[in-house]
């Protein structure tokens, strides 16, 4: 009985871990990391590093832009809020 309960617990934890990975972007910069909620459950851009990337190349990526990575770039003082707004509008217009 206890063995069966442990199996169910492990299966539940595995399902929760997969759900977490499908529903979040994990963005790294050095030893810091940020969690962004995805618009769709997918493995696309689950792990993303900001190291050696320019703001415009990051904001070009639609799923990350939609999740709000621009606000993280502003928080890290990589770009200003005005630059974020301009870049997001530019790439949003370009993608349509």
C-alpha atoms as a PDB file:
ATOM      1  CA  UNK A   1       0.000   0.000   0.000  1.00  0.00           C
ATOM      2  CA  UNK A   2       2.753   2.470   0.950  1.00  0.00           C
ATOM      3  CA  UNK A   3       4.736   1.516  -2.148  1.00  0.00           C
ATOM      4  CA  UNK A   4       1.725   2.270  -4.371  1.00  0.00           C
ATOM      5  CA  UNK A   5       1.226   5.632  -2.645  1.00  0.00           C
ATOM      6  CA  UNK A   6       4.874   6.560  -3.316  1.00  0.00           C
ATOM      7  CA  UNK A   7       4.422   5.667  -6.993  1.00  0.00           C
ATOM      8  CA  UNK A   8       1.372   7.906  -7.252  1.00  0.00           C
ATOM      9  CA  UNK A   9       3.245  10.700  -5.515  1.00  0.00           C
ATOM     10  CA  UNK A  10       6.192  10.417  -7.928  1.00  0.00           C
ATOM     11  CA  UNK A  11       3.859  10.364 -10.928  1.00  0.00           C
ATOM     12  CA  UNK A  12       2.078  13.440  -9.582  1.00  0.00           C
ATOM     13  CA  UNK A  13       5.389  15.264  -9.094  1.00  0.00           C
ATOM     14  CA  UNK A  14       6.507  14.358 -12.620  1.00  0.00           C
ATOM     15  CA  UNK A  15       3.236  15.675 -14.070  1.00  0.00           C
ATOM     16  CA  UNK A  16       3.580  18.894 -12.057  1.00  0.00           C
ATOM     17  CA  UNK A  17       7.169  19.384 -13.292  1.00  0.00           C
ATOM     18  CA  UNK A  18       6.140  18.895 -16.927  1.00  0.00           C
ATOM     19  CA  UNK A  19       3.218  21.297 -16.477  1.00  0.00           C
ATOM     20  CA  UNK A  20       5.576  23.882 -14.949  1.00  0.00           C
ATOM     21  CA  UNK A  21       8.024  23.600 -17.853  1.00  0.00           C
ATOM     22  CA  UNK A  22       5.236  23.820 -20.429  1.00  0.00           C
ATOM     23  CA  UNK A  23       3.736  26.946 -18.868  1.00  0.00           C
ATOM     24  CA  UNK A  24       6.818  29.056 -18.025  1.00  0.00           C
ATOM     25  CA  UNK A  25       9.792  30.708 -19.727  1.00  0.00           C
ATOM     26  CA  UNK A  26      12.896  30.485 -17.559  1.00  0.00           C
ATOM     27  CA  UNK A  27      15.145  33.418 -18.481  1.00  0.00           C
ATOM     28  CA  UNK A  28      18.776  33.437 -17.294  1.00  0.00           C
ATOM     29  CA  UNK A  29      21.298  36.220 -16.947  1.00  0.00           C
ATOM     30  CA  UNK A  30      24.398  35.059 -15.139  1.00  0.00           C
ATOM     31  CA  UNK A  31      23.278  33.532 -11.851  1.00  0.00           C
ATOM     32  CA  UNK A  32      19.929  35.377 -11.868  1.00  0.00           C
ATOM     33  CA  UNK A  33      16.812  33.899 -13.384  1.00  0.00           C
ATOM     34  CA  UNK A  34      13.318  35.156 -14.081  1.00  0.00           C
ATOM     35  CA  UNK A  35      10.058  33.305 -14.683  1.00  0.00           C
ATOM     36  CA  UNK A  36       7.614  34.455 -17.324  1.00  0.00           C
ATOM     37  CA  UNK A  37       4.222  32.905 -17.929  1.00  0.00           C
ATOM     38  CA  UNK A  38       3.802  31.560 -21.473  1.00  0.00           C
ATOM     39  CA  UNK A  39       0.797  32.443 -23.611  1.00  0.00           C
ATOM     40  CA  UNK A  40       0.571  28.823 -24.851  1.00  0.00           C
ATOM     41  CA  UNK A  41       1.712  25.584 -23.263  1.00  0.00           C
ATOM     42  CA  UNK A  42       4.731  24.607 -25.351  1.00  0.00           C
ATOM     43  CA  UNK A  43       8.408  23.767 -24.918  1.00  0.00           C
ATOM     44  CA  UNK A  44       9.405  26.630 -27.249  1.00  0.00           C
ATOM     45  CA  UNK A  45      11.861  28.992 -25.508  1.00  0.00           C
ATOM     46  CA  UNK A  46      11.419  27.268 -22.138  1.00  0.00           C
ATOM     47  CA  UNK A  47      15.039  28.074 -21.254  1.00  0.00           C
ATOM     48  CA  UNK A  48      16.480  31.316 -22.606  1.00  0.00           C
ATOM     49  CA  UNK A  49      19.747  33.078 -21.793  1.00  0.00           C
ATOM     50  CA  UNK A  50      20.137  36.844 -22.122  1.00  0.00           C
ATOM     51  CA  UNK A  51      23.922  36.591 -22.133  1.00  0.00           C
ATOM     52  CA  UNK A  52      25.574  38.317 -25.112  1.00  0.00           C
ATOM     53  CA  UNK A  53      22.235  39.139 -26.766  1.00  0.00           C
ATOM     54  CA  UNK A  54      21.052  42.562 -27.854  1.00  0.00           C
ATOM     55  CA  UNK A  55      17.648  43.864 -26.827  1.00  0.00           C
ATOM     56  CA  UNK A  56      16.340  44.038 -30.390  1.00  0.00           C
ATOM     57  CA  UNK A  57      17.261  40.415 -31.101  1.00  0.00           C
ATOM     58  CA  UNK A  58      15.527  39.338 -27.886  1.00  0.00           C
ATOM     59  CA  UNK A  59      12.359  41.326 -28.582  1.00  0.00           C
ATOM     60  CA  UNK A  60      12.225  39.896 -32.121  1.00  0.00           C
ATOM     61  CA  UNK A  61      11.119  36.596 -30.586  1.00  0.00           C
ATOM     62  CA  UNK A  62       7.323  36.717 -30.487  1.00  0.00           C
ATOM     63  CA  UNK A  63       6.611  34.264 -27.630  1.00  0.00           C
ATOM     64  CA  UNK A  64       9.100  36.011 -25.330  1.00  0.00           C
ATOM     65  CA  UNK A  65       7.853  39.465 -26.320  1.00  0.00           C
ATOM     66  CA  UNK A  66       4.258  38.400 -25.639  1.00  0.00           C
ATOM     67  CA  UNK A  67       5.261  37.001 -22.246  1.00  0.00           C
ATOM     68  CA  UNK A  68       6.725  40.367 -21.191  1.00  0.00           C
ATOM     69  CA  UNK A  69      10.471  39.963 -21.505  1.00  0.00           C
ATOM     70  CA  UNK A  70      10.707  43.662 -22.353  1.00  0.00           C
ATOM     71  CA  UNK A  71       9.846  44.547 -18.769  1.00  0.00           C
ATOM     72  CA  UNK A  72      12.688  42.342 -17.546  1.00  0.00           C
ATOM     73  CA  UNK A  73      15.083  44.152 -19.892  1.00  0.00           C
ATOM     74  CA  UNK A  74      13.902  47.466 -18.412  1.00  0.00           C
ATOM     75  CA  UNK A  75      14.229  46.120 -14.868  1.00  0.00           C
ATOM     76  CA  UNK A  76      17.810  45.031 -15.613  1.00  0.00           C
ATOM     77  CA  UNK A  77      18.478  48.480 -17.121  1.00  0.00           C
ATOM     78  CA  UNK A  78      19.449  46.982 -20.472  1.00  0.00           C
ATOM     79  CA  UNK A  79      16.980  49.311 -22.217  1.00  0.00           C
ATOM     80  CA  UNK A  80      14.685  52.142 -21.151  1.00  0.00           C
ATOM     81  CA  UNK A  81      10.912  51.831 -20.992  1.00  0.00           C
ATOM     82  CA  UNK A  82      10.638  54.116 -24.022  1.00  0.00           C
ATOM     83  CA  UNK A  83      13.011  51.890 -26.050  1.00  0.00           C
ATOM     84  CA  UNK A  84      11.042  48.820 -24.957  1.00  0.00           C
ATOM     85  CA  UNK A  85       7.808  50.324 -26.140  1.00  0.00           C
ATOM     86  CA  UNK A  86       9.286  51.337 -29.513  1.00  0.00           C
ATOM     87  CA  UNK A  87      10.877  47.936 -30.124  1.00  0.00           C
ATOM     88  CA  UNK A  88       7.770  46.009 -29.074  1.00  0.00           C
ATOM     89  CA  UNK A  89       5.564  48.118 -31.350  1.00  0.00           C
ATOM     90  CA  UNK A  90       8.023  47.762 -34.234  1.00  0.00           C
ATOM     91  CA  UNK A  91       8.276  43.957 -34.010  1.00  0.00           C
ATOM     92  CA  UNK A  92       4.560  43.565 -33.348  1.00  0.00           C
ATOM     93  CA  UNK A  93       3.806  45.563 -36.487  1.00  0.00           C
ATOM     94  CA  UNK A  94       6.467  43.675 -38.457  1.00  0.00           C
ATOM     95  CA  UNK A  95       5.063  40.283 -37.450  1.00  0.00           C
ATOM     96  CA  UNK A  96       1.559  41.174 -38.689  1.00  0.00           C
END
